PDB file of N, CA and C in Angstrom:
ATOM      1  N   MET A   1      -3.417  -5.918  21.376  1.00  0.00           N
ATOM      2  CA  MET A   1      -3.979  -5.135  22.320  1.00  0.00           C
ATOM      3  C   MET A   1      -5.454  -4.850  21.865  1.00  0.00           C
ATOM      4  N   LYS A   2      -6.327  -5.187  22.952  1.00  0.00           N
ATOM      5  CA  LYS A   2      -7.750  -5.193  22.740  1.00  0.00           C
ATOM      6  C   LYS A   2      -8.439  -3.931  23.231  1.00  0.00           C
ATOM      7  N   GLY A   3      -9.206  -3.220  22.451  1.00  0.00           N
ATOM      8  CA  GLY A   3     -10.161  -2.153  22.852  1.00  0.00           C
ATOM      9  C   GLY A   3     -11.570  -2.213  22.490  1.00  0.00           C
ATOM     10  N   TYR A   4     -12.489  -1.280  22.915  1.00  0.00           N
ATOM     11  CA  TYR A   4     -13.857  -1.364  22.535  1.00  0.00           C
ATOM     12  C   TYR A   4     -14.343  -0.203  21.956  1.00  0.00           C
ATOM     13  N   VAL A   5     -15.151  -0.139  20.850  1.00  0.00           N
ATOM     14  CA  VAL A   5     -15.727   0.922  20.229  1.00  0.00           C
ATOM     15  C   VAL A   5     -16.799   1.488  21.077  1.00  0.00           C
ATOM     16  N   GLU A   6     -16.690   2.672  21.606  1.00  0.00           N
ATOM     17  CA  GLU A   6     -17.682   3.412  22.446  1.00  0.00           C
ATOM     18  C   GLU A   6     -18.565   4.282  21.584  1.00  0.00           C
ATOM     19  N   GLN A   7     -17.978   4.823  20.527  1.00  0.00           N
ATOM     20  CA  GLN A   7     -18.898   5.608  19.311  1.00  0.00           C
ATOM     21  C   GLN A   7     -18.468   4.965  18.088  1.00  0.00           C
ATOM     22  N   ALA A   8     -19.519   4.841  17.240  1.00  0.00           N
ATOM     23  CA  ALA A   8     -19.456   3.945  16.009  1.00  0.00           C
ATOM     24  C   ALA A   8     -18.350   4.648  15.132  1.00  0.00           C
ATOM     25  N   ILE A   9     -17.701   3.774  14.384  1.00  0.00           N
ATOM     26  CA  ILE A   9     -16.794   4.112  13.412  1.00  0.00           C
ATOM     27  C   ILE A   9     -17.329   3.913  12.012  1.00  0.00           C
ATOM     28  N   GLY A  10     -17.392   5.125  11.197  1.00  0.00           N
ATOM     29  CA  GLY A  10     -17.828   5.033   9.936  1.00  0.00           C
ATOM     30  C   GLY A  10     -16.801   5.043   8.842  1.00  0.00           C
ATOM     31  N   PRO A  11     -17.187   4.737   7.708  1.00  0.00           N
ATOM     32  CA  PRO A  11     -16.183   4.801   6.406  1.00  0.00           C
ATOM     33  C   PRO A  11     -15.404   6.153   6.546  1.00  0.00           C
ATOM     34  N   ASN A  12     -14.079   6.132   6.642  1.00  0.00           N
ATOM     35  CA  ASN A  12     -13.252   7.240   6.647  1.00  0.00           C
ATOM     36  C   ASN A  12     -13.719   8.296   7.767  1.00  0.00           C
ATOM     37  N   HIS A  13     -14.468   7.846   8.645  1.00  0.00           N
ATOM     38  CA  HIS A  13     -14.950   8.796   9.692  1.00  0.00           C
ATOM     39  C   HIS A  13     -14.512   8.302  11.273  1.00  0.00           C
ATOM     40  N   PRO A  14     -13.823   8.771  11.959  1.00  0.00           N
ATOM     41  CA  PRO A  14     -13.360   8.264  13.150  1.00  0.00           C
ATOM     42  C   PRO A  14     -14.471   8.099  14.261  1.00  0.00           C
ATOM     43  N   GLY A  15     -14.351   7.223  15.177  1.00  0.00           N
ATOM     44  CA  GLY A  15     -15.267   7.139  16.259  1.00  0.00           C
ATOM     45  C   GLY A  15     -14.305   7.276  17.387  1.00  0.00           C
ATOM     46  N   ARG A  16     -14.765   6.754  18.673  1.00  0.00           N
ATOM     47  CA  ARG A  16     -14.182   6.677  19.899  1.00  0.00           C
ATOM     48  C   ARG A  16     -14.002   5.231  20.349  1.00  0.00           C
ATOM     49  N   ILE A  17     -12.730   5.078  20.716  1.00  0.00           N
ATOM     50  CA  ILE A  17     -12.330   3.895  21.257  1.00  0.00           C
ATOM     51  C   ILE A  17     -11.855   3.847  22.691  1.00  0.00           C
ATOM     52  N   ARG A  18     -12.392   2.880  23.586  1.00  0.00           N
ATOM     53  CA  ARG A  18     -11.957   2.673  24.907  1.00  0.00           C
ATOM     54  C   ARG A  18     -10.694   1.773  24.929  1.00  0.00           C
ATOM     55  N   TYR A  19      -9.532   2.306  25.302  1.00  0.00           N
ATOM     56  CA  TYR A  19      -8.387   1.330  25.163  1.00  0.00           C
ATOM     57  C   TYR A  19      -7.412   1.719  26.404  1.00  0.00           C
ATOM     58  N   GLN A  20      -7.052   0.673  27.152  1.00  0.00           N
ATOM     59  CA  GLN A  20      -6.327   0.823  28.315  1.00  0.00           C
ATOM     60  C   GLN A  20      -6.708   1.825  29.171  1.00  0.00           C
ATOM     61  N   ALA A  21      -8.073   1.908  29.567  1.00  0.00           N
ATOM     62  CA  ALA A  21      -8.710   2.818  30.434  1.00  0.00           C
ATOM     63  C   ALA A  21      -8.631   4.417  30.061  1.00  0.00           C
ATOM     64  N   THR A  22      -8.559   4.489  28.700  1.00  0.00           N
ATOM     65  CA  THR A  22      -8.434   5.839  28.064  1.00  0.00           C
ATOM     66  C   THR A  22      -9.157   5.905  26.879  1.00  0.00           C
ATOM     67  N   TYR A  23      -9.737   7.069  26.568  1.00  0.00           N
ATOM     68  CA  TYR A  23     -10.465   7.181  25.348  1.00  0.00           C
ATOM     69  C   TYR A  23      -9.869   7.810  24.197  1.00  0.00           C
ATOM     70  N   TRP A  24      -9.862   7.209  23.071  1.00  0.00           N
ATOM     71  CA  TRP A  24      -9.027   7.658  21.856  1.00  0.00           C
ATOM     72  C   TRP A  24      -9.950   7.837  20.648  1.00  0.00           C
ATOM     73  N   PHE A  25      -9.640   8.609  19.585  1.00  0.00           N
ATOM     74  CA  PHE A  25     -10.244   8.588  18.400  1.00  0.00           C
ATOM     75  C   PHE A  25      -9.755   7.227  17.724  1.00  0.00           C
ATOM     76  N   GLY A  26     -10.765   6.587  16.891  1.00  0.00           N
ATOM     77  CA  GLY A  26     -10.189   5.346  16.186  1.00  0.00           C
ATOM     78  C   GLY A  26     -10.846   5.306  14.926  1.00  0.00           C
ATOM     79  N   ILE A  27     -10.110   4.777  14.027  1.00  0.00           N
ATOM     80  CA  ILE A  27     -10.588   4.531  12.587  1.00  0.00           C
ATOM     81  C   ILE A  27      -9.955   3.217  12.079  1.00  0.00           C
ATOM     82  N   CYS A  28     -10.759   2.494  10.969  1.00  0.00           N
ATOM     83  CA  CYS A  28     -10.384   1.332  10.292  1.00  0.00           C
ATOM     84  C   CYS A  28      -9.626   1.935   9.093  1.00  0.00           C
ATOM     85  N   ASP A  29      -8.320   1.413   8.674  1.00  0.00           N
ATOM     86  CA  ASP A  29      -7.711   1.888   7.526  1.00  0.00           C
ATOM     87  C   ASP A  29      -8.297   1.336   6.178  1.00  0.00           C
ATOM     88  N   ASP A  30      -9.164   0.266   6.398  1.00  0.00           N
ATOM     89  CA  ASP A  30      -9.660  -0.383   5.079  1.00  0.00           C
ATOM     90  C   ASP A  30     -11.141   0.411   4.887  1.00  0.00           C
ATOM     91  N   GLY A  31     -11.478   1.371   5.745  1.00  0.00           N
ATOM     92  CA  GLY A  31     -12.943   2.110   5.476  1.00  0.00           C
ATOM     93  C   GLY A  31     -14.019   1.317   5.947  1.00  0.00           C
ATOM     94  N   ARG A  32     -13.925   0.279   6.942  1.00  0.00           N
ATOM     95  CA  ARG A  32     -14.825  -0.572   7.383  1.00  0.00           C
ATOM     96  C   ARG A  32     -15.683   0.467   8.476  1.00  0.00           C
ATOM     97  N   SER A  33     -17.066   0.090   8.609  1.00  0.00           N
ATOM     98  CA  SER A  33     -17.794   0.625   9.823  1.00  0.00           C
ATOM     99  C   SER A  33     -17.767  -0.323  10.958  1.00  0.00           C
ATOM    100  N   LEU A  34     -17.654   0.189  12.122  1.00  0.00           N
ATOM    101  CA  LEU A  34     -17.826  -0.690  13.182  1.00  0.00           C
ATOM    102  C   LEU A  34     -18.758  -0.108  14.177  1.00  0.00           C
ATOM    103  N   PRO A  35     -19.712  -0.916  14.826  1.00  0.00           N
ATOM    104  CA  PRO A  35     -20.851  -0.540  15.574  1.00  0.00           C
ATOM    105  C   PRO A  35     -20.252  -0.365  17.046  1.00  0.00           C
ATOM    106  N   ARG A  36     -21.004   0.471  17.908  1.00  0.00           N
ATOM    107  CA  ARG A  36     -20.683   0.617  19.229  1.00  0.00           C
ATOM    108  C   ARG A  36     -20.513  -0.786  19.851  1.00  0.00           C
ATOM    109  N   GLY A  37     -19.744  -0.954  20.743  1.00  0.00           N
ATOM    110  CA  GLY A  37     -19.663  -2.326  21.471  1.00  0.00           C
ATOM    111  C   GLY A  37     -18.676  -3.353  20.884  1.00  0.00           C
ATOM    112  N   ALA A  38     -18.155  -3.014  19.662  1.00  0.00           N
ATOM    113  CA  ALA A  38     -17.549  -4.084  18.829  1.00  0.00           C
ATOM    114  C   ALA A  38     -16.007  -3.970  19.627  1.00  0.00           C
ATOM    115  N   GLU A  39     -15.543  -5.305  19.697  1.00  0.00           N
ATOM    116  CA  GLU A  39     -14.155  -5.529  20.167  1.00  0.00           C
ATOM    117  C   GLU A  39     -13.184  -5.121  18.834  1.00  0.00           C
ATOM    118  N   VAL A  40     -12.043  -4.370  19.268  1.00  0.00           N
ATOM    119  CA  VAL A  40     -11.162  -4.244  18.307  1.00  0.00           C
ATOM    120  C   VAL A  40      -9.574  -4.505  18.811  1.00  0.00           C
ATOM    121  N   THR A  41      -8.855  -4.848  17.697  1.00  0.00           N
ATOM    122  CA  THR A  41      -7.470  -4.916  18.025  1.00  0.00           C
ATOM    123  C   THR A  41      -6.613  -3.562  17.525  1.00  0.00           C
ATOM    124  N   VAL A  42      -5.862  -3.124  18.409  1.00  0.00           N
ATOM    125  CA  VAL A  42      -5.124  -1.779  17.909  1.00  0.00           C
ATOM    126  C   VAL A  42      -3.878  -2.191  17.139  1.00  0.00           C
ATOM    127  N   ILE A  43      -3.993  -1.749  15.707  1.00  0.00           N
ATOM    128  CA  ILE A  43      -2.688  -2.199  14.871  1.00  0.00           C
ATOM    129  C   ILE A  43      -1.773  -1.009  14.570  1.00  0.00           C
ATOM    130  N   GLY A  44      -2.151   0.045  15.108  1.00  0.00           N
ATOM    131  CA  GLY A  44      -1.222   1.232  14.857  1.00  0.00           C
ATOM    132  C   GLY A  44      -1.592   2.620  15.374  1.00  0.00           C
ATOM    133  N   ARG A  45      -1.083   3.709  15.305  1.00  0.00           N
ATOM    134  CA  ARG A  45      -1.465   4.954  15.660  1.00  0.00           C
ATOM    135  C   ARG A  45      -0.924   6.012  14.866  1.00  0.00           C
ATOM    136  N   ARG A  46      -1.843   6.919  14.648  1.00  0.00           N
ATOM    137  CA  ARG A  46      -1.424   8.136  13.694  1.00  0.00           C
ATOM    138  C   ARG A  46      -1.851   9.382  14.516  1.00  0.00           C
ATOM    139  N   GLY A  47      -0.920   9.912  15.144  1.00  0.00           N
ATOM    140  CA  GLY A  47      -1.291  11.121  16.015  1.00  0.00           C
ATOM    141  C   GLY A  47      -2.037  10.827  17.328  1.00  0.00           C
ATOM    142  N   ASN A  48      -3.227  11.368  17.463  1.00  0.00           N
ATOM    143  CA  ASN A  48      -4.070  10.927  18.447  1.00  0.00           C
ATOM    144  C   ASN A  48      -5.101   9.969  18.012  1.00  0.00           C
ATOM    145  N   THR A  49      -4.932   9.361  16.967  1.00  0.00           N
ATOM    146  CA  THR A  49      -5.895   8.372  16.449  1.00  0.00           C
ATOM    147  C   THR A  49      -5.462   7.066  16.276  1.00  0.00           C
ATOM    148  N   LEU A  50      -6.192   5.882  16.980  1.00  0.00           N
ATOM    149  CA  LEU A  50      -5.560   4.586  16.859  1.00  0.00           C
ATOM    150  C   LEU A  50      -6.280   3.903  15.469  1.00  0.00           C
ATOM    151  N   ILE A  51      -5.373   3.115  14.887  1.00  0.00           N
ATOM    152  CA  ILE A  51      -5.822   2.328  13.785  1.00  0.00           C
ATOM    153  C   ILE A  51      -6.274   1.256  14.333  1.00  0.00           C
ATOM    154  N   VAL A  52      -7.503   0.668  13.991  1.00  0.00           N
ATOM    155  CA  VAL A  52      -7.942  -0.622  14.756  1.00  0.00           C
ATOM    156  C   VAL A  52      -8.574  -1.521  13.577  1.00  0.00           C
ATOM    157  N   GLU A  53      -8.672  -2.711  13.882  1.00  0.00           N
ATOM    158  CA  GLU A  53      -9.475  -3.717  13.157  1.00  0.00           C
ATOM    159  C   GLU A  53     -10.375  -4.533  13.832  1.00  0.00           C
ATOM    160  N   PRO A  54     -11.395  -5.177  13.565  1.00  0.00           N
ATOM    161  CA  PRO A  54     -12.203  -5.880  14.405  1.00  0.00           C
ATOM    162  C   PRO A  54     -11.558  -7.197  14.905  1.00  0.00           C
ATOM    163  N   ILE A  55     -12.071  -7.708  16.004  1.00  0.00           N
ATOM    164  CA  ILE A  55     -11.692  -9.061  16.315  1.00  0.00           C
ATOM    165  C   ILE A  55     -12.780  -9.892  15.923  1.00  0.00           C
ATOM    166  N   SER A  56     -12.353 -10.990  15.210  1.00  0.00           N
ATOM    167  CA  SER A  56     -13.561 -11.781  14.541  1.00  0.00           C
ATOM    168  C   SER A  56     -13.901 -12.953  15.518  1.00  0.00           C
TER     169      SER A  56
END
């Protein structure tokens, strides 16, 4: 499932993800930073936060 970073994700700091026409908090479990505009895959969910990884 593909989404886009709308607000940058920092190490252990959630950003905002646009996913299925809705905005979510998003974070990378491995502590990566992702810039605004990055394409991501949703790999899980923890409460109202999506767990994502970058699409390479």
